[in-house]
Full PDB file with SEQRES, HELIX, SHEET, SSBOND, CRYST1, ORIGX, SCALE, CONECT and MASTER records, all heavy atoms in Angstrom:
SEQRES   1 A   29  SER PHE ASN VAL VAL ASP SER PHE ASP THR HIS ALA ALA          
SEQRES   2 A   29  ILE PRO GLN HIS PHE GLU GLN VAL ASP GLN ALA ALA GLY          
SEQRES   3 A   29  THR SER GLY                                                  
HELIX    1 AA1 HIS A   11  ALA A   13  5                                   3    
HELIX    2 AA2 ILE A   14  SER A   28  1                                  15    
CRYST1    1.000    1.000    1.000  90.00  90.00  90.00 P 1           1          
ORIGX1      1.000000  0.000000  0.000000        0.00000                         
ORIGX2      0.000000  1.000000  0.000000        0.00000                         
ORIGX3      0.000000  0.000000  1.000000        0.00000                         
SCALE1      1.000000  0.000000  0.000000        0.00000                         
SCALE2      0.000000  1.000000  0.000000        0.00000                         
SCALE3      0.000000  0.000000  1.000000        0.00000                         
ATOM      1  N   SER A   1       0.710  -1.214  -0.016  1.00  0.00           N  
ATOM      2  CA  SER A   1      -0.027  -0.064  -0.068  1.00  0.00           C  
ATOM      3  C   SER A   1       0.791   1.265   0.008  1.00  0.00           C  
ATOM      4  O   SER A   1       0.373   2.325  -0.324  1.00  0.00           O  
ATOM      5  CB  SER A   1      -0.913   0.010   1.225  1.00  0.00           C  
ATOM      6  OG  SER A   1      -1.723  -1.192   1.223  1.00  0.00           O  
ATOM      7  N   PHE A   2       2.124   1.208   0.453  1.00  0.00           N  
ATOM      8  CA  PHE A   2       2.988   2.426   0.478  1.00  0.00           C  
ATOM      9  C   PHE A   2       4.370   2.168  -0.194  1.00  0.00           C  
ATOM     10  O   PHE A   2       4.754   0.950  -0.442  1.00  0.00           O  
ATOM     11  CB  PHE A   2       3.269   2.696   1.981  1.00  0.00           C  
ATOM     12  CG  PHE A   2       2.028   2.969   2.784  1.00  0.00           C  
ATOM     13  CD1 PHE A   2       1.441   1.984   3.451  1.00  0.00           C  
ATOM     14  CD2 PHE A   2       1.665   4.324   3.089  1.00  0.00           C  
ATOM     15  CE1 PHE A   2       0.320   2.247   4.376  1.00  0.00           C  
ATOM     16  CE2 PHE A   2       0.590   4.547   3.765  1.00  0.00           C  
ATOM     17  CZ  PHE A   2      -0.028   3.616   4.495  1.00  0.00           C  
ATOM     18  N   ASN A   3       5.015   3.238  -0.527  1.00  0.00           N  
ATOM     19  CA  ASN A   3       6.427   3.212  -0.651  1.00  0.00           C  
ATOM     20  C   ASN A   3       7.028   3.080   0.834  1.00  0.00           C  
ATOM     21  O   ASN A   3       6.575   3.762   1.696  1.00  0.00           O  
ATOM     22  CB  ASN A   3       6.993   4.387  -1.254  1.00  0.00           C  
ATOM     23  CG  ASN A   3       6.543   4.635  -2.751  1.00  0.00           C  
ATOM     24  OD1 ASN A   3       6.470   3.699  -3.549  1.00  0.00           O  
ATOM     25  ND2 ASN A   3       6.131   5.891  -3.071  1.00  0.00           N  
ATOM     26  N   VAL A   4       7.977   2.099   0.991  1.00  0.00           N  
ATOM     27  CA  VAL A   4       8.464   1.909   2.350  1.00  0.00           C  
ATOM     28  C   VAL A   4       9.889   1.889   2.461  1.00  0.00           C  
ATOM     29  O   VAL A   4      10.657   1.537   1.396  1.00  0.00           O  
ATOM     30  CB  VAL A   4       7.911   0.700   2.939  1.00  0.00           C  
ATOM     31  CG1 VAL A   4       6.340   0.715   3.026  1.00  0.00           C  
ATOM     32  CG2 VAL A   4       8.299  -0.569   2.135  1.00  0.00           C  
ATOM     33  N   VAL A   5      10.483   2.118   3.701  1.00  0.00           N  
ATOM     34  CA  VAL A   5      11.925   1.996   3.904  1.00  0.00           C  
ATOM     35  C   VAL A   5      11.991   1.346   5.273  1.00  0.00           C  
ATOM     36  O   VAL A   5      11.257   1.757   6.232  1.00  0.00           O  
ATOM     37  CB  VAL A   5      12.609   3.356   3.949  1.00  0.00           C  
ATOM     38  CG1 VAL A   5      14.165   3.118   4.181  1.00  0.00           C  
ATOM     39  CG2 VAL A   5      12.383   4.144   2.681  1.00  0.00           C  
ATOM     40  N   ASP A   6      12.928   0.323   5.333  1.00  0.00           N  
ATOM     41  CA  ASP A   6      13.075  -0.347   6.576  1.00  0.00           C  
ATOM     42  C   ASP A   6      14.555  -0.448   6.922  1.00  0.00           C  
ATOM     43  O   ASP A   6      15.488  -0.101   6.086  1.00  0.00           O  
ATOM     44  CB  ASP A   6      12.419  -1.754   6.708  1.00  0.00           C  
ATOM     45  CG  ASP A   6      13.162  -2.834   6.029  1.00  0.00           C  
ATOM     46  OD1 ASP A   6      14.396  -2.734   5.680  1.00  0.00           O  
ATOM     47  OD2 ASP A   6      12.489  -3.962   5.856  1.00  0.00           O  
ATOM     48  N   SER A   7      14.922  -0.852   8.137  1.00  0.00           N  
ATOM     49  CA  SER A   7      16.335  -1.000   8.604  1.00  0.00           C  
ATOM     50  C   SER A   7      16.662  -2.410   8.982  1.00  0.00           C  
ATOM     51  O   SER A   7      17.367  -2.795   9.842  1.00  0.00           O  
ATOM     52  CB  SER A   7      16.563  -0.130   9.745  1.00  0.00           C  
ATOM     53  OG  SER A   7      15.652  -0.353  10.848  1.00  0.00           O  
ATOM     54  N   PHE A   8      16.018  -3.382   8.296  1.00  0.00           N  
ATOM     55  CA  PHE A   8      16.194  -4.800   8.561  1.00  0.00           C  
ATOM     56  C   PHE A   8      17.720  -5.107   8.614  1.00  0.00           C  
ATOM     57  O   PHE A   8      18.466  -4.952   7.556  1.00  0.00           O  
ATOM     58  CB  PHE A   8      15.475  -5.645   7.413  1.00  0.00           C  
ATOM     59  CG  PHE A   8      15.463  -7.150   7.675  1.00  0.00           C  
ATOM     60  CD1 PHE A   8      14.710  -7.667   8.599  1.00  0.00           C  
ATOM     61  CD2 PHE A   8      16.464  -7.937   7.016  1.00  0.00           C  
ATOM     62  CE1 PHE A   8      14.723  -9.057   8.937  1.00  0.00           C  
ATOM     63  CE2 PHE A   8      16.518  -9.176   7.230  1.00  0.00           C  
ATOM     64  CZ  PHE A   8      15.521  -9.830   8.182  1.00  0.00           C  
ATOM     65  N   ASP A   9      18.211  -5.710   9.727  1.00  0.00           N  
ATOM     66  CA  ASP A   9      19.573  -5.802   9.822  1.00  0.00           C  
ATOM     67  C   ASP A   9      20.113  -7.307  10.168  1.00  0.00           C  
ATOM     68  O   ASP A   9      21.187  -7.449  10.664  1.00  0.00           O  
ATOM     69  CB  ASP A   9      20.173  -4.825  10.955  1.00  0.00           C  
ATOM     70  CG  ASP A   9      19.658  -5.129  12.324  1.00  0.00           C  
ATOM     71  OD1 ASP A   9      18.815  -6.055  12.524  1.00  0.00           O  
ATOM     72  OD2 ASP A   9      20.103  -4.386  13.270  1.00  0.00           O  
ATOM     73  N   THR A  10      19.197  -8.155   9.948  1.00  0.00           N  
ATOM     74  CA  THR A  10      19.615  -9.545  10.138  1.00  0.00           C  
ATOM     75  C   THR A  10      20.330 -10.077   8.785  1.00  0.00           C  
ATOM     76  O   THR A  10      19.715 -10.493   7.903  1.00  0.00           O  
ATOM     77  CB  THR A  10      18.488 -10.525  10.465  1.00  0.00           C  
ATOM     78  OG1 THR A  10      17.862 -10.033  11.620  1.00  0.00           O  
ATOM     79  CG2 THR A  10      19.041 -11.934  10.779  1.00  0.00           C  
ATOM     80  N   HIS A  11      21.702  -9.866   8.744  1.00  0.00           N  
ATOM     81  CA  HIS A  11      22.386  -9.967   7.491  1.00  0.00           C  
ATOM     82  C   HIS A  11      22.161 -11.341   6.779  1.00  0.00           C  
ATOM     83  O   HIS A  11      21.904 -11.397   5.524  1.00  0.00           O  
ATOM     84  CB  HIS A  11      23.966  -9.891   7.715  1.00  0.00           C  
ATOM     85  CG  HIS A  11      24.337  -8.510   8.138  1.00  0.00           C  
ATOM     86  ND1 HIS A  11      24.856  -7.522   7.131  1.00  0.00           N  
ATOM     87  CD2 HIS A  11      24.337  -7.831   9.342  1.00  0.00           C  
ATOM     88  CE1 HIS A  11      25.136  -6.528   7.806  1.00  0.00           C  
ATOM     89  NE2 HIS A  11      24.833  -6.618   9.135  1.00  0.00           N  
ATOM     90  N   ALA A  12      22.122 -12.439   7.587  1.00  0.00           N  
ATOM     91  CA  ALA A  12      21.990 -13.711   7.065  1.00  0.00           C  
ATOM     92  C   ALA A  12      20.467 -13.948   6.349  1.00  0.00           C  
ATOM     93  O   ALA A  12      20.368 -14.687   5.300  1.00  0.00           O  
ATOM     94  CB  ALA A  12      22.113 -14.771   7.937  1.00  0.00           C  
ATOM     95  N   ALA A  13      19.523 -13.129   6.741  1.00  0.00           N  
ATOM     96  CA  ALA A  13      18.232 -13.265   6.220  1.00  0.00           C  
ATOM     97  C   ALA A  13      17.798 -12.248   5.116  1.00  0.00           C  
ATOM     98  O   ALA A  13      16.625 -12.202   4.732  1.00  0.00           O  
ATOM     99  CB  ALA A  13      17.208 -13.211   7.403  1.00  0.00           C  
ATOM    100  N   ILE A  14      18.800 -11.319   4.880  1.00  0.00           N  
ATOM    101  CA  ILE A  14      18.506 -10.334   3.809  1.00  0.00           C  
ATOM    102  C   ILE A  14      18.048 -10.784   2.534  1.00  0.00           C  
ATOM    103  O   ILE A  14      17.062 -10.382   1.971  1.00  0.00           O  
ATOM    104  CB  ILE A  14      19.659  -9.310   3.717  1.00  0.00           C  
ATOM    105  CG1 ILE A  14      19.769  -8.439   4.935  1.00  0.00           C  
ATOM    106  CG2 ILE A  14      19.529  -8.459   2.434  1.00  0.00           C  
ATOM    107  CD1 ILE A  14      20.959  -7.498   4.974  1.00  0.00           C  
ATOM    108  N   PRO A  15      18.735 -11.859   1.908  1.00  0.00           N  
ATOM    109  CA  PRO A  15      18.190 -12.377   0.636  1.00  0.00           C  
ATOM    110  C   PRO A  15      16.671 -12.822   0.656  1.00  0.00           C  
ATOM    111  O   PRO A  15      15.984 -12.509  -0.304  1.00  0.00           O  
ATOM    112  CB  PRO A  15      19.158 -13.494   0.346  1.00  0.00           C  
ATOM    113  CG  PRO A  15      20.352 -13.091   1.006  1.00  0.00           C  
ATOM    114  CD  PRO A  15      19.895 -12.533   2.317  1.00  0.00           C  
ATOM    115  N   GLN A  16      16.409 -13.506   1.601  1.00  0.00           N  
ATOM    116  CA  GLN A  16      14.976 -14.012   1.772  1.00  0.00           C  
ATOM    117  C   GLN A  16      13.974 -12.783   1.981  1.00  0.00           C  
ATOM    118  O   GLN A  16      12.865 -12.689   1.310  1.00  0.00           O  
ATOM    119  CB  GLN A  16      14.877 -14.971   2.921  1.00  0.00           C  
ATOM    120  CG  GLN A  16      13.384 -15.538   3.103  1.00  0.00           C  
ATOM    121  CD  GLN A  16      13.259 -16.466   4.234  1.00  0.00           C  
ATOM    122  OE1 GLN A  16      14.210 -16.666   5.011  1.00  0.00           O  
ATOM    123  NE2 GLN A  16      12.039 -16.998   4.485  1.00  0.00           N  
ATOM    124  N   HIS A  17      14.389 -11.904   2.795  1.00  0.00           N  
ATOM    125  CA  HIS A  17      13.499 -10.741   3.014  1.00  0.00           C  
ATOM    126  C   HIS A  17      13.421  -9.922   1.780  1.00  0.00           C  
ATOM    127  O   HIS A  17      12.298  -9.545   1.433  1.00  0.00           O  
ATOM    128  CB  HIS A  17      14.242  -9.883   4.097  1.00  0.00           C  
ATOM    129  CG  HIS A  17      13.437  -8.633   4.630  1.00  0.00           C  
ATOM    130  ND1 HIS A  17      12.088  -8.710   5.070  1.00  0.00           N  
ATOM    131  CD2 HIS A  17      13.754  -7.374   4.585  1.00  0.00           C  
ATOM    132  CE1 HIS A  17      11.748  -7.538   5.358  1.00  0.00           C  
ATOM    133  NE2 HIS A  17      12.704  -6.655   5.075  1.00  0.00           N  
ATOM    134  N   PHE A  18      14.405  -9.749   1.010  1.00  0.00           N  
ATOM    135  CA  PHE A  18      14.336  -9.043  -0.333  1.00  0.00           C  
ATOM    136  C   PHE A  18      13.437  -9.713  -1.192  1.00  0.00           C  
ATOM    137  O   PHE A  18      12.575  -9.039  -1.803  1.00  0.00           O  
ATOM    138  CB  PHE A  18      15.759  -9.103  -0.942  1.00  0.00           C  
ATOM    139  CG  PHE A  18      15.846  -8.279  -2.306  1.00  0.00           C  
ATOM    140  CD1 PHE A  18      16.127  -6.948  -2.307  1.00  0.00           C  
ATOM    141  CD2 PHE A  18      15.527  -8.981  -3.455  1.00  0.00           C  
ATOM    142  CE1 PHE A  18      16.169  -6.264  -3.580  1.00  0.00           C  
ATOM    143  CE2 PHE A  18      15.466  -8.317  -4.652  1.00  0.00           C  
ATOM    144  CZ  PHE A  18      15.880  -6.943  -4.656  1.00  0.00           C  
ATOM    145  N   GLU A  19      13.489 -11.023  -1.337  1.00  0.00           N  
ATOM    146  CA  GLU A  19      12.579 -11.629  -2.258  1.00  0.00           C  
ATOM    147  C   GLU A  19      11.045 -11.469  -1.959  1.00  0.00           C  
ATOM    148  O   GLU A  19      10.244 -11.284  -2.795  1.00  0.00           O  
ATOM    149  CB  GLU A  19      12.968 -13.223  -2.322  1.00  0.00           C  
ATOM    150  CG  GLU A  19      14.200 -13.451  -2.973  1.00  0.00           C  
ATOM    151  CD  GLU A  19      14.599 -14.959  -2.985  1.00  0.00           C  
ATOM    152  OE1 GLU A  19      13.624 -15.800  -2.579  1.00  0.00           O  
ATOM    153  OE2 GLU A  19      15.751 -15.380  -3.379  1.00  0.00           O  
ATOM    154  N   GLN A  20      10.714 -11.605  -0.697  1.00  0.00           N  
ATOM    155  CA  GLN A  20       9.411 -11.445  -0.184  1.00  0.00           C  
ATOM    156  C   GLN A  20       8.852  -9.984  -0.450  1.00  0.00           C  
ATOM    157  O   GLN A  20       7.772  -9.922  -0.982  1.00  0.00           O  
ATOM    158  CB  GLN A  20       9.220 -11.875   1.272  1.00  0.00           C  
ATOM    159  CG  GLN A  20       9.548 -13.329   1.496  1.00  0.00           C  
ATOM    160  CD  GLN A  20       9.610 -13.744   3.004  1.00  0.00           C  
ATOM    161  OE1 GLN A  20       9.780 -12.763   3.846  1.00  0.00           O  
ATOM    162  NE2 GLN A  20       9.315 -14.976   3.252  1.00  0.00           N  
ATOM    163  N   VAL A  21       9.758  -9.113  -0.177  1.00  0.00           N  
ATOM    164  CA  VAL A  21       9.267  -7.668  -0.205  1.00  0.00           C  
ATOM    165  C   VAL A  21       9.282  -7.318  -1.716  1.00  0.00           C  
ATOM    166  O   VAL A  21       8.394  -6.492  -2.152  1.00  0.00           O  
ATOM    167  CB  VAL A  21      10.227  -6.714   0.524  1.00  0.00           C  
ATOM    168  CG1 VAL A  21       9.972  -5.242   0.282  1.00  0.00           C  
ATOM    169  CG2 VAL A  21      10.233  -7.034   2.044  1.00  0.00           C  
ATOM    170  N   ASP A  22      10.216  -7.777  -2.519  1.00  0.00           N  
ATOM    171  CA  ASP A  22      10.158  -7.398  -3.919  1.00  0.00           C  
ATOM    172  C   ASP A  22       8.904  -7.816  -4.662  1.00  0.00           C  
ATOM    173  O   ASP A  22       8.429  -7.093  -5.509  1.00  0.00           O  
ATOM    174  CB  ASP A  22      11.455  -8.059  -4.580  1.00  0.00           C  
ATOM    175  CG  ASP A  22      11.661  -7.666  -5.913  1.00  0.00           C  
ATOM    176  OD1 ASP A  22      11.606  -6.527  -6.331  1.00  0.00           O  
ATOM    177  OD2 ASP A  22      11.797  -8.483  -6.931  1.00  0.00           O  
ATOM    178  N   GLN A  23       8.501  -9.010  -4.319  1.00  0.00           N  
ATOM    179  CA  GLN A  23       7.250  -9.609  -4.886  1.00  0.00           C  
ATOM    180  C   GLN A  23       6.071  -8.582  -4.430  1.00  0.00           C  
ATOM    181  O   GLN A  23       5.233  -8.342  -5.305  1.00  0.00           O  
ATOM    182  CB  GLN A  23       6.938 -10.898  -4.299  1.00  0.00           C  
ATOM    183  CG  GLN A  23       5.749 -11.589  -5.043  1.00  0.00           C  
ATOM    184  CD  GLN A  23       5.442 -13.068  -4.652  1.00  0.00           C  
ATOM    185  OE1 GLN A  23       6.257 -13.579  -3.782  1.00  0.00           O  
ATOM    186  NE2 GLN A  23       4.505 -13.576  -5.191  1.00  0.00           N  
ATOM    187  N   ALA A  24       6.014  -8.269  -3.120  1.00  0.00           N  
ATOM    188  CA  ALA A  24       4.885  -7.416  -2.624  1.00  0.00           C  
ATOM    189  C   ALA A  24       4.895  -6.041  -3.392  1.00  0.00           C  
ATOM    190  O   ALA A  24       3.911  -5.566  -3.834  1.00  0.00           O  
ATOM    191  CB  ALA A  24       4.874  -7.330  -1.292  1.00  0.00           C  
ATOM    192  N   ALA A  25       6.120  -5.414  -3.310  1.00  0.00           N  
ATOM    193  CA  ALA A  25       6.186  -4.075  -3.911  1.00  0.00           C  
ATOM    194  C   ALA A  25       6.054  -4.101  -5.357  1.00  0.00           C  
ATOM    195  O   ALA A  25       5.464  -3.118  -5.965  1.00  0.00           O  
ATOM    196  CB  ALA A  25       7.544  -3.490  -3.550  1.00  0.00           C  
ATOM    197  N   GLY A  26       6.584  -5.095  -6.028  1.00  0.00           N  
ATOM    198  CA  GLY A  26       6.488  -5.177  -7.522  1.00  0.00           C  
ATOM    199  C   GLY A  26       5.035  -5.328  -7.953  1.00  0.00           C  
ATOM    200  O   GLY A  26       4.481  -4.631  -8.999  1.00  0.00           O  
ATOM    201  N   THR A  27       4.235  -6.091  -7.248  1.00  0.00           N  
ATOM    202  CA  THR A  27       2.855  -6.327  -7.572  1.00  0.00           C  
ATOM    203  C   THR A  27       2.000  -5.069  -7.309  1.00  0.00           C  
ATOM    204  O   THR A  27       1.058  -4.890  -8.186  1.00  0.00           O  
ATOM    205  CB  THR A  27       2.285  -7.509  -6.748  1.00  0.00           C  
ATOM    206  OG1 THR A  27       3.163  -8.696  -6.975  1.00  0.00           O  
ATOM    207  CG2 THR A  27       0.888  -7.741  -7.143  1.00  0.00           C  
ATOM    208  N   SER A  28       2.354  -4.340  -6.292  1.00  0.00           N  
ATOM    209  CA  SER A  28       1.504  -3.310  -5.896  1.00  0.00           C  
ATOM    210  C   SER A  28       1.981  -1.911  -6.661  1.00  0.00           C  
ATOM    211  O   SER A  28       1.288  -0.906  -6.636  1.00  0.00           O  
ATOM    212  CB  SER A  28       1.643  -2.945  -4.487  1.00  0.00           C  
ATOM    213  OG  SER A  28       2.796  -2.491  -4.037  1.00  0.00           O  
ATOM    214  N   GLY A  29       3.160  -1.992  -7.256  1.00  0.00           N  
ATOM    215  CA  GLY A  29       3.685  -0.766  -8.037  1.00  0.00           C  
ATOM    216  C   GLY A  29       4.300   0.252  -7.054  1.00  0.00           C  
ATOM    217  O   GLY A  29       4.373   1.460  -7.402  1.00  0.00           O  
TER     218      GLY A  29                                                      
MASTER        0    0    0    2    0    0    0    6  217    1    0    3          
END                                                                             
């Protein structure tokens, strides 16, 4: 629903976090 910015800092989990967020943001524009 928004353009968002976060400070997610669990380095090992960044790739998975990116994939999930990319799908949500890409679908919503």
